[in-house]
Full PDB file with SEQRES, HELIX, SHEET, SSBOND, CRYST1, ORIGX, SCALE, CONECT and MASTER records, all heavy atoms in Angstrom:
SEQRES   1 A   38  ASP SER VAL CYS ALA ILE ALA GLU ASN GLY ARG PRO LEU          
SEQRES   2 A   38  PRO MET SER CYS ALA SER ALA GLY PRO THR SER LYS GLY          
SEQRES   3 A   38  ALA ILE SER GLY ILE ILE GLU ASP LEU THR GLY ARG              
HELIX    1 AA1 CYS A   17  THR A   36  1                                  20    
CRYST1    1.000    1.000    1.000  90.00  90.00  90.00 P 1           1          
ORIGX1      1.000000  0.000000  0.000000        0.00000                         
ORIGX2      0.000000  1.000000  0.000000        0.00000                         
ORIGX3      0.000000  0.000000  1.000000        0.00000                         
SCALE1      1.000000  0.000000  0.000000        0.00000                         
SCALE2      0.000000  1.000000  0.000000        0.00000                         
SCALE3      0.000000  0.000000  1.000000        0.00000                         
ATOM      1  N   ASP A   1     -68.654 -16.118  -1.205  1.00  0.00           N  
ATOM      2  CA  ASP A   1     -67.853 -16.619  -0.086  1.00  0.00           C  
ATOM      3  C   ASP A   1     -67.889 -15.698   1.124  1.00  0.00           C  
ATOM      4  O   ASP A   1     -67.536 -16.111   2.228  1.00  0.00           O  
ATOM      5  CB  ASP A   1     -66.391 -16.797  -0.524  1.00  0.00           C  
ATOM      6  CG  ASP A   1     -66.203 -17.986  -1.448  1.00  0.00           C  
ATOM      7  OD1 ASP A   1     -67.168 -18.754  -1.635  1.00  0.00           O  
ATOM      8  OD2 ASP A   1     -65.094 -18.152  -1.993  1.00  0.00           O  
ATOM      9  N   SER A   2     -68.313 -14.452   0.939  1.00  0.00           N  
ATOM     10  CA  SER A   2     -68.317 -13.483   2.035  1.00  0.00           C  
ATOM     11  C   SER A   2     -69.430 -13.728   3.047  1.00  0.00           C  
ATOM     12  O   SER A   2     -69.410 -13.135   4.127  1.00  0.00           O  
ATOM     13  CB  SER A   2     -68.473 -12.065   1.477  1.00  0.00           C  
ATOM     14  OG  SER A   2     -67.474 -11.757   0.548  1.00  0.00           O  
ATOM     15  N   VAL A   3     -70.406 -14.568   2.713  1.00  0.00           N  
ATOM     16  CA  VAL A   3     -71.598 -14.700   3.538  1.00  0.00           C  
ATOM     17  C   VAL A   3     -71.680 -16.076   4.186  1.00  0.00           C  
ATOM     18  O   VAL A   3     -71.285 -17.085   3.597  1.00  0.00           O  
ATOM     19  CB  VAL A   3     -72.861 -14.424   2.691  1.00  0.00           C  
ATOM     20  CG1 VAL A   3     -73.015 -15.472   1.615  1.00  0.00           C  
ATOM     21  CG2 VAL A   3     -74.107 -14.363   3.547  1.00  0.00           C  
ATOM     22  N   CYS A   4     -72.196 -16.099   5.398  1.00  0.00           N  
ATOM     23  CA  CYS A   4     -72.501 -17.363   6.068  1.00  0.00           C  
ATOM     24  C   CYS A   4     -73.975 -17.659   5.823  1.00  0.00           C  
ATOM     25  O   CYS A   4     -74.850 -17.148   6.524  1.00  0.00           O  
ATOM     26  CB  CYS A   4     -72.211 -17.272   7.566  1.00  0.00           C  
ATOM     27  SG  CYS A   4     -72.588 -18.802   8.463  1.00  0.00           S  
ATOM     28  N   ALA A   5     -74.242 -18.444   4.790  1.00  0.00           N  
ATOM     29  CA  ALA A   5     -75.617 -18.775   4.409  1.00  0.00           C  
ATOM     30  C   ALA A   5     -75.936 -20.187   4.871  1.00  0.00           C  
ATOM     31  O   ALA A   5     -75.217 -21.132   4.546  1.00  0.00           O  
ATOM     32  CB  ALA A   5     -75.778 -18.661   2.896  1.00  0.00           C  
ATOM     33  N   ILE A   6     -77.000 -20.331   5.614  1.00  0.00           N  
ATOM     34  CA  ILE A   6     -77.395 -21.638   6.133  1.00  0.00           C  
ATOM     35  C   ILE A   6     -78.270 -22.340   5.107  1.00  0.00           C  
ATOM     36  O   ILE A   6     -79.328 -21.851   4.725  1.00  0.00           O  
ATOM     37  CB  ILE A   6     -78.142 -21.509   7.470  1.00  0.00           C  
ATOM     38  CG1 ILE A   6     -77.292 -20.724   8.476  1.00  0.00           C  
ATOM     39  CG2 ILE A   6     -78.480 -22.891   8.015  1.00  0.00           C  
ATOM     40  CD1 ILE A   6     -75.933 -21.333   8.754  1.00  0.00           C  
ATOM     41  N   ALA A   7     -77.798 -23.490   4.636  1.00  0.00           N  
ATOM     42  CA  ALA A   7     -78.498 -24.245   3.603  1.00  0.00           C  
ATOM     43  C   ALA A   7     -79.735 -24.933   4.163  1.00  0.00           C  
ATOM     44  O   ALA A   7     -80.006 -24.903   5.369  1.00  0.00           O  
ATOM     45  CB  ALA A   7     -77.550 -25.271   2.991  1.00  0.00           C  
ATOM     46  N   GLU A   8     -80.477 -25.575   3.262  1.00  0.00           N  
ATOM     47  CA  GLU A   8     -81.700 -26.266   3.673  1.00  0.00           C  
ATOM     48  C   GLU A   8     -81.424 -27.382   4.676  1.00  0.00           C  
ATOM     49  O   GLU A   8     -82.301 -27.760   5.449  1.00  0.00           O  
ATOM     50  CB  GLU A   8     -82.403 -26.845   2.434  1.00  0.00           C  
ATOM     51  CG  GLU A   8     -82.573 -25.874   1.264  1.00  0.00           C  
ATOM     52  CD  GLU A   8     -83.442 -24.675   1.603  1.00  0.00           C  
ATOM     53  OE1 GLU A   8     -84.096 -24.689   2.655  1.00  0.00           O  
ATOM     54  OE2 GLU A   8     -83.465 -23.721   0.799  1.00  0.00           O  
ATOM     55  N   ASN A   9     -80.207 -27.912   4.671  1.00  0.00           N  
ATOM     56  CA  ASN A   9     -79.863 -28.992   5.606  1.00  0.00           C  
ATOM     57  C   ASN A   9     -79.400 -28.478   6.959  1.00  0.00           C  
ATOM     58  O   ASN A   9     -78.971 -29.256   7.811  1.00  0.00           O  
ATOM     59  CB  ASN A   9     -78.800 -29.902   5.002  1.00  0.00           C  
ATOM     60  CG  ASN A   9     -77.510 -29.149   4.681  1.00  0.00           C  
ATOM     61  OD1 ASN A   9     -77.321 -28.010   5.087  1.00  0.00           O  
ATOM     62  ND2 ASN A   9     -76.617 -29.798   3.938  1.00  0.00           N  
ATOM     63  N   GLY A  10     -79.467 -27.153   7.161  1.00  0.00           N  
ATOM     64  CA  GLY A  10     -79.093 -26.569   8.442  1.00  0.00           C  
ATOM     65  C   GLY A  10     -77.611 -26.299   8.603  1.00  0.00           C  
ATOM     66  O   GLY A  10     -77.177 -25.860   9.663  1.00  0.00           O  
ATOM     67  N   ARG A  11     -76.836 -26.541   7.547  1.00  0.00           N  
ATOM     68  CA  ARG A  11     -75.392 -26.317   7.608  1.00  0.00           C  
ATOM     69  C   ARG A  11     -75.004 -25.142   6.712  1.00  0.00           C  
ATOM     70  O   ARG A  11     -75.680 -24.873   5.720  1.00  0.00           O  
ATOM     71  CB  ARG A  11     -74.653 -27.577   7.143  1.00  0.00           C  
ATOM     72  CG  ARG A  11     -74.995 -28.822   7.950  1.00  0.00           C  
ATOM     73  CD  ARG A  11     -74.295 -30.041   7.376  1.00  0.00           C  
ATOM     74  NE  ARG A  11     -74.663 -31.263   8.082  1.00  0.00           N  
ATOM     75  CZ  ARG A  11     -74.214 -32.461   7.758  1.00  0.00           C  
ATOM     76  NH1 ARG A  11     -73.379 -32.605   6.738  1.00  0.00           N  
ATOM     77  NH2 ARG A  11     -74.596 -33.519   8.447  1.00  0.00           N  
ATOM     78  N   PRO A  12     -73.910 -24.460   7.038  1.00  0.00           N  
ATOM     79  CA  PRO A  12     -73.471 -23.360   6.177  1.00  0.00           C  
ATOM     80  C   PRO A  12     -73.060 -23.870   4.809  1.00  0.00           C  
ATOM     81  O   PRO A  12     -72.429 -24.928   4.692  1.00  0.00           O  
ATOM     82  CB  PRO A  12     -72.265 -22.779   6.939  1.00  0.00           C  
ATOM     83  CG  PRO A  12     -72.423 -23.242   8.347  1.00  0.00           C  
ATOM     84  CD  PRO A  12     -73.089 -24.582   8.265  1.00  0.00           C  
ATOM     85  N   LEU A  13     -73.426 -23.122   3.768  1.00  0.00           N  
ATOM     86  CA  LEU A  13     -72.945 -23.461   2.437  1.00  0.00           C  
ATOM     87  C   LEU A  13     -71.429 -23.311   2.401  1.00  0.00           C  
ATOM     88  O   LEU A  13     -70.869 -22.403   3.016  1.00  0.00           O  
ATOM     89  CB  LEU A  13     -73.563 -22.524   1.393  1.00  0.00           C  
ATOM     90  CG  LEU A  13     -75.030 -22.739   1.023  1.00  0.00           C  
ATOM     91  CD1 LEU A  13     -75.499 -21.622   0.100  1.00  0.00           C  
ATOM     92  CD2 LEU A  13     -75.228 -24.089   0.355  1.00  0.00           C  
ATOM     93  N   PRO A  14     -70.723 -24.197   1.696  1.00  0.00           N  
ATOM     94  CA  PRO A  14     -69.265 -24.087   1.628  1.00  0.00           C  
ATOM     95  C   PRO A  14     -68.853 -22.904   0.760  1.00  0.00           C  
ATOM     96  O   PRO A  14     -69.623 -22.424  -0.078  1.00  0.00           O  
ATOM     97  CB  PRO A  14     -68.846 -25.415   0.981  1.00  0.00           C  
ATOM     98  CG  PRO A  14     -70.024 -25.796   0.150  1.00  0.00           C  
ATOM     99  CD  PRO A  14     -71.231 -25.351   0.923  1.00  0.00           C  
ATOM    100  N   MET A  15     -67.627 -22.415   0.965  1.00  0.00           N  
ATOM    101  CA  MET A  15     -67.090 -21.377   0.091  1.00  0.00           C  
ATOM    102  C   MET A  15     -66.795 -22.026  -1.257  1.00  0.00           C  
ATOM    103  O   MET A  15     -65.901 -22.865  -1.361  1.00  0.00           O  
ATOM    104  CB  MET A  15     -65.815 -20.783   0.692  1.00  0.00           C  
ATOM    105  CG  MET A  15     -66.024 -20.024   1.977  1.00  0.00           C  
ATOM    106  SD  MET A  15     -64.496 -19.195   2.505  1.00  0.00           S  
ATOM    107  CE  MET A  15     -64.938 -18.714   4.180  1.00  0.00           C  
ATOM    108  N   SER A  16     -67.539 -21.632  -2.272  1.00  0.00           N  
ATOM    109  CA  SER A  16     -67.377 -22.238  -3.588  1.00  0.00           C  
ATOM    110  C   SER A  16     -68.180 -21.450  -4.604  1.00  0.00           C  
ATOM    111  O   SER A  16     -69.088 -20.689  -4.253  1.00  0.00           O  
ATOM    112  CB  SER A  16     -67.856 -23.691  -3.584  1.00  0.00           C  
ATOM    113  OG  SER A  16     -69.261 -23.736  -3.447  1.00  0.00           O  
ATOM    114  N   CYS A  17     -67.858 -21.658  -5.879  1.00  0.00           N  
ATOM    115  CA  CYS A  17     -68.641 -21.044  -6.947  1.00  0.00           C  
ATOM    116  C   CYS A  17     -70.080 -21.533  -6.896  1.00  0.00           C  
ATOM    117  O   CYS A  17     -71.015 -20.792  -7.203  1.00  0.00           O  
ATOM    118  CB  CYS A  17     -68.005 -21.354  -8.300  1.00  0.00           C  
ATOM    119  SG  CYS A  17     -68.938 -20.724  -9.712  1.00  0.00           S  
ATOM    120  N   ALA A  18     -70.282 -22.790  -6.521  1.00  0.00           N  
ATOM    121  CA  ALA A  18     -71.627 -23.355  -6.461  1.00  0.00           C  
ATOM    122  C   ALA A  18     -72.504 -22.615  -5.453  1.00  0.00           C  
ATOM    123  O   ALA A  18     -73.730 -22.595  -5.586  1.00  0.00           O  
ATOM    124  CB  ALA A  18     -71.559 -24.839  -6.105  1.00  0.00           C  
ATOM    125  N   SER A  19     -71.892 -22.005  -4.447  1.00  0.00           N  
ATOM    126  CA  SER A  19     -72.656 -21.251  -3.454  1.00  0.00           C  
ATOM    127  C   SER A  19     -72.935 -19.827  -3.906  1.00  0.00           C  
ATOM    128  O   SER A  19     -73.826 -19.162  -3.367  1.00  0.00           O  
ATOM    129  CB  SER A  19     -71.892 -21.222  -2.122  1.00  0.00           C  
ATOM    130  OG  SER A  19     -71.699 -22.526  -1.611  1.00  0.00           O  
ATOM    131  N   ALA A  20     -72.171 -19.348  -4.887  1.00  0.00           N  
ATOM    132  CA  ALA A  20     -72.375 -17.983  -5.383  1.00  0.00           C  
ATOM    133  C   ALA A  20     -73.752 -17.826  -6.006  1.00  0.00           C  
ATOM    134  O   ALA A  20     -74.399 -16.780  -5.847  1.00  0.00           O  
ATOM    135  CB  ALA A  20     -71.291 -17.623  -6.396  1.00  0.00           C  
ATOM    136  N   GLY A  21     -74.212 -18.866  -6.728  1.00  0.00           N  
ATOM    137  CA  GLY A  21     -75.505 -18.782  -7.389  1.00  0.00           C  
ATOM    138  C   GLY A  21     -76.671 -18.576  -6.446  1.00  0.00           C  
ATOM    139  O   GLY A  21     -77.377 -17.560  -6.532  1.00  0.00           O  
ATOM    140  N   PRO A  22     -76.925 -19.497  -5.508  1.00  0.00           N  
ATOM    141  CA  PRO A  22     -78.082 -19.341  -4.625  1.00  0.00           C  
ATOM    142  C   PRO A  22     -77.975 -18.137  -3.691  1.00  0.00           C  
ATOM    143  O   PRO A  22     -78.986 -17.498  -3.403  1.00  0.00           O  
ATOM    144  CB  PRO A  22     -78.105 -20.652  -3.833  1.00  0.00           C  
ATOM    145  CG  PRO A  22     -76.748 -21.238  -3.983  1.00  0.00           C  
ATOM    146  CD  PRO A  22     -76.256 -20.806  -5.313  1.00  0.00           C  
ATOM    147  N   THR A  23     -76.773 -17.807  -3.224  1.00  0.00           N  
ATOM    148  CA  THR A  23     -76.662 -16.638  -2.344  1.00  0.00           C  
ATOM    149  C   THR A  23     -76.885 -15.343  -3.121  1.00  0.00           C  
ATOM    150  O   THR A  23     -77.479 -14.393  -2.605  1.00  0.00           O  
ATOM    151  CB  THR A  23     -75.294 -16.600  -1.637  1.00  0.00           C  
ATOM    152  OG1 THR A  23     -74.234 -16.618  -2.605  1.00  0.00           O  
ATOM    153  CG2 THR A  23     -75.138 -17.786  -0.699  1.00  0.00           C  
ATOM    154  N   SER A  24     -76.431 -15.299  -4.383  1.00  0.00           N  
ATOM    155  CA  SER A  24     -76.693 -14.123  -5.219  1.00  0.00           C  
ATOM    156  C   SER A  24     -78.187 -13.950  -5.448  1.00  0.00           C  
ATOM    157  O   SER A  24     -78.726 -12.841  -5.337  1.00  0.00           O  
ATOM    158  CB  SER A  24     -75.984 -14.255  -6.566  1.00  0.00           C  
ATOM    159  OG  SER A  24     -74.590 -14.272  -6.415  1.00  0.00           O  
ATOM    160  N   LYS A  25     -78.859 -15.044  -5.771  1.00  0.00           N  
ATOM    161  CA  LYS A  25     -80.301 -14.964  -6.003  1.00  0.00           C  
ATOM    162  C   LYS A  25     -81.040 -14.533  -4.737  1.00  0.00           C  
ATOM    163  O   LYS A  25     -82.022 -13.794  -4.806  1.00  0.00           O  
ATOM    164  CB  LYS A  25     -80.809 -16.317  -6.501  1.00  0.00           C  
ATOM    165  CG  LYS A  25     -80.297 -16.674  -7.890  1.00  0.00           C  
ATOM    166  CD  LYS A  25     -80.726 -18.066  -8.323  1.00  0.00           C  
ATOM    167  CE  LYS A  25     -80.151 -18.421  -9.689  1.00  0.00           C  
ATOM    168  NZ  LYS A  25     -80.517 -19.789 -10.123  1.00  0.00           N  
ATOM    169  N   GLY A  26     -80.553 -15.005  -3.588  1.00  0.00           N  
ATOM    170  CA  GLY A  26     -81.171 -14.587  -2.333  1.00  0.00           C  
ATOM    171  C   GLY A  26     -81.010 -13.106  -2.085  1.00  0.00           C  
ATOM    172  O   GLY A  26     -81.961 -12.410  -1.695  1.00  0.00           O  
ATOM    173  N   ALA A  27     -79.806 -12.584  -2.323  1.00  0.00           N  
ATOM    174  CA  ALA A  27     -79.555 -11.157  -2.133  1.00  0.00           C  
ATOM    175  C   ALA A  27     -80.345 -10.323  -3.127  1.00  0.00           C  
ATOM    176  O   ALA A  27     -80.925  -9.284  -2.780  1.00  0.00           O  
ATOM    177  CB  ALA A  27     -78.059 -10.868  -2.270  1.00  0.00           C  
ATOM    178  N   ILE A  28     -80.383 -10.754  -4.392  1.00  0.00           N  
ATOM    179  CA  ILE A  28     -81.149 -10.042  -5.420  1.00  0.00           C  
ATOM    180  C   ILE A  28     -82.616  -9.950  -5.018  1.00  0.00           C  
ATOM    181  O   ILE A  28     -83.240  -8.885  -5.096  1.00  0.00           O  
ATOM    182  CB  ILE A  28     -81.018 -10.778  -6.770  1.00  0.00           C  
ATOM    183  CG1 ILE A  28     -79.617 -10.603  -7.343  1.00  0.00           C  
ATOM    184  CG2 ILE A  28     -82.060 -10.280  -7.767  1.00  0.00           C  
ATOM    185  CD1 ILE A  28     -79.322 -11.527  -8.506  1.00  0.00           C  
ATOM    186  N   SER A  29     -83.173 -11.075  -4.581  1.00  0.00           N  
ATOM    187  CA  SER A  29     -84.580 -11.093  -4.173  1.00  0.00           C  
ATOM    188  C   SER A  29     -84.832 -10.123  -3.033  1.00  0.00           C  
ATOM    189  O   SER A  29     -85.820  -9.370  -3.042  1.00  0.00           O  
ATOM    190  CB  SER A  29     -84.984 -12.512  -3.747  1.00  0.00           C  
ATOM    191  OG  SER A  29     -84.827 -13.423  -4.809  1.00  0.00           O  
ATOM    192  N   GLY A  30     -83.943 -10.129  -2.048  1.00  0.00           N  
ATOM    193  CA  GLY A  30     -84.113  -9.243  -0.903  1.00  0.00           C  
ATOM    194  C   GLY A  30     -84.025  -7.783  -1.284  1.00  0.00           C  
ATOM    195  O   GLY A  30     -84.823  -6.952  -0.820  1.00  0.00           O  
ATOM    196  N   ILE A  31     -83.053  -7.436  -2.123  1.00  0.00           N  
ATOM    197  CA  ILE A  31     -82.881  -6.040  -2.531  1.00  0.00           C  
ATOM    198  C   ILE A  31     -84.084  -5.545  -3.317  1.00  0.00           C  
ATOM    199  O   ILE A  31     -84.631  -4.468  -3.054  1.00  0.00           O  
ATOM    200  CB  ILE A  31     -81.588  -5.883  -3.353  1.00  0.00           C  
ATOM    201  CG1 ILE A  31     -80.366  -6.094  -2.460  1.00  0.00           C  
ATOM    202  CG2 ILE A  31     -81.525  -4.507  -4.008  1.00  0.00           C  
ATOM    203  CD1 ILE A  31     -79.047  -6.149  -3.213  1.00  0.00           C  
ATOM    204  N   ILE A  32     -84.533  -6.326  -4.310  1.00  0.00           N  
ATOM    205  CA  ILE A  32     -85.670  -5.907  -5.125  1.00  0.00           C  
ATOM    206  C   ILE A  32     -86.930  -5.786  -4.279  1.00  0.00           C  
ATOM    207  O   ILE A  32     -87.707  -4.834  -4.418  1.00  0.00           O  
ATOM    208  CB  ILE A  32     -85.885  -6.889  -6.292  1.00  0.00           C  
ATOM    209  CG1 ILE A  32     -84.721  -6.778  -7.282  1.00  0.00           C  
ATOM    210  CG2 ILE A  32     -87.207  -6.609  -6.992  1.00  0.00           C  
ATOM    211  CD1 ILE A  32     -84.803  -7.750  -8.446  1.00  0.00           C  
ATOM    212  N   GLU A  33     -87.127  -6.735  -3.382  1.00  0.00           N  
ATOM    213  CA  GLU A  33     -88.314  -6.684  -2.523  1.00  0.00           C  
ATOM    214  C   GLU A  33     -88.298  -5.464  -1.620  1.00  0.00           C  
ATOM    215  O   GLU A  33     -89.311  -4.762  -1.480  1.00  0.00           O  
ATOM    216  CB  GLU A  33     -88.401  -7.964  -1.693  1.00  0.00           C  
ATOM    217  CG  GLU A  33     -89.659  -8.040  -0.835  1.00  0.00           C  
ATOM    218  CD  GLU A  33     -89.823  -9.401  -0.192  1.00  0.00           C  
ATOM    219  OE1 GLU A  33     -89.695 -10.412  -0.903  1.00  0.00           O  
ATOM    220  OE2 GLU A  33     -90.083  -9.452   1.029  1.00  0.00           O  
ATOM    221  N   ASP A  34     -87.143  -5.175  -1.017  1.00  0.00           N  
ATOM    222  CA  ASP A  34     -87.052  -4.035  -0.110  1.00  0.00           C  
ATOM    223  C   ASP A  34     -87.211  -2.699  -0.830  1.00  0.00           C  
ATOM    224  O   ASP A  34     -87.818  -1.760  -0.301  1.00  0.00           O  
ATOM    225  CB  ASP A  34     -85.702  -4.049   0.616  1.00  0.00           C  
ATOM    226  CG  ASP A  34     -85.673  -5.062   1.752  1.00  0.00           C  
ATOM    227  OD1 ASP A  34     -86.745  -5.613   2.071  1.00  0.00           O  
ATOM    228  OD2 ASP A  34     -84.592  -5.299   2.302  1.00  0.00           O  
ATOM    229  N   LEU A  35     -86.662  -2.605  -2.043  1.00  0.00           N  
ATOM    230  CA  LEU A  35     -86.640  -1.315  -2.728  1.00  0.00           C  
ATOM    231  C   LEU A  35     -87.856  -1.067  -3.607  1.00  0.00           C  
ATOM    232  O   LEU A  35     -88.162   0.086  -3.927  1.00  0.00           O  
ATOM    233  CB  LEU A  35     -85.369  -1.202  -3.576  1.00  0.00           C  
ATOM    234  CG  LEU A  35     -84.044  -1.282  -2.812  1.00  0.00           C  
ATOM    235  CD1 LEU A  35     -82.875  -1.030  -3.760  1.00  0.00           C  
ATOM    236  CD2 LEU A  35     -84.009  -0.285  -1.668  1.00  0.00           C  
ATOM    237  N   THR A  36     -88.555  -2.122  -4.020  1.00  0.00           N  
ATOM    238  CA  THR A  36     -89.688  -1.941  -4.932  1.00  0.00           C  
ATOM    239  C   THR A  36     -91.016  -2.411  -4.359  1.00  0.00           C  
ATOM    240  O   THR A  36     -92.069  -2.082  -4.902  1.00  0.00           O  
ATOM    241  CB  THR A  36     -89.447  -2.700  -6.249  1.00  0.00           C  
ATOM    242  OG1 THR A  36     -89.550  -4.109  -6.016  1.00  0.00           O  
ATOM    243  CG2 THR A  36     -88.080  -2.367  -6.829  1.00  0.00           C  
ATOM    244  N   GLY A  37     -90.973  -3.188  -3.297  1.00  0.00           N  
ATOM    245  CA  GLY A  37     -92.208  -3.733  -2.742  1.00  0.00           C  
ATOM    246  C   GLY A  37     -92.662  -5.006  -3.433  1.00  0.00           C  
ATOM    247  O   GLY A  37     -93.660  -5.609  -3.048  1.00  0.00           O  
ATOM    248  N   ARG A  38     -91.925  -5.445  -4.452  1.00  0.00           N  
ATOM    249  CA  ARG A  38     -92.284  -6.662  -5.173  1.00  0.00           C  
ATOM    250  C   ARG A  38     -91.935  -7.881  -4.317  1.00  0.00           C  
ATOM    251  O   ARG A  38     -90.821  -8.004  -3.816  1.00  0.00           O  
ATOM    252  CB  ARG A  38     -91.523  -6.727  -6.495  1.00  0.00           C  
ATOM    253  CG  ARG A  38     -91.689  -8.033  -7.252  1.00  0.00           C  
ATOM    254  CD  ARG A  38     -90.704  -8.109  -8.407  1.00  0.00           C  
ATOM    255  NE  ARG A  38     -90.810  -9.368  -9.131  1.00  0.00           N  
ATOM    256  CZ  ARG A  38     -89.950  -9.774 -10.066  1.00  0.00           C  
ATOM    257  NH1 ARG A  38     -88.931  -9.001 -10.388  1.00  0.00           N  
ATOM    258  NH2 ARG A  38     -90.111 -10.924 -10.670  1.00  0.00           N  
TER     259      ARG A  38                                                      
MASTER        0    0    0    1    0    0    0    6  258    1    0    3          
END                                                                             
């Protein structure tokens, strides 16, 4: 809920548990890529 993530439809994802999943995966991907080069 802390993040303003723009969904594929161009609108912000709502504050909800359902938004926690994709935003978490996005952050995880970014962190691993930045820190490991993967």
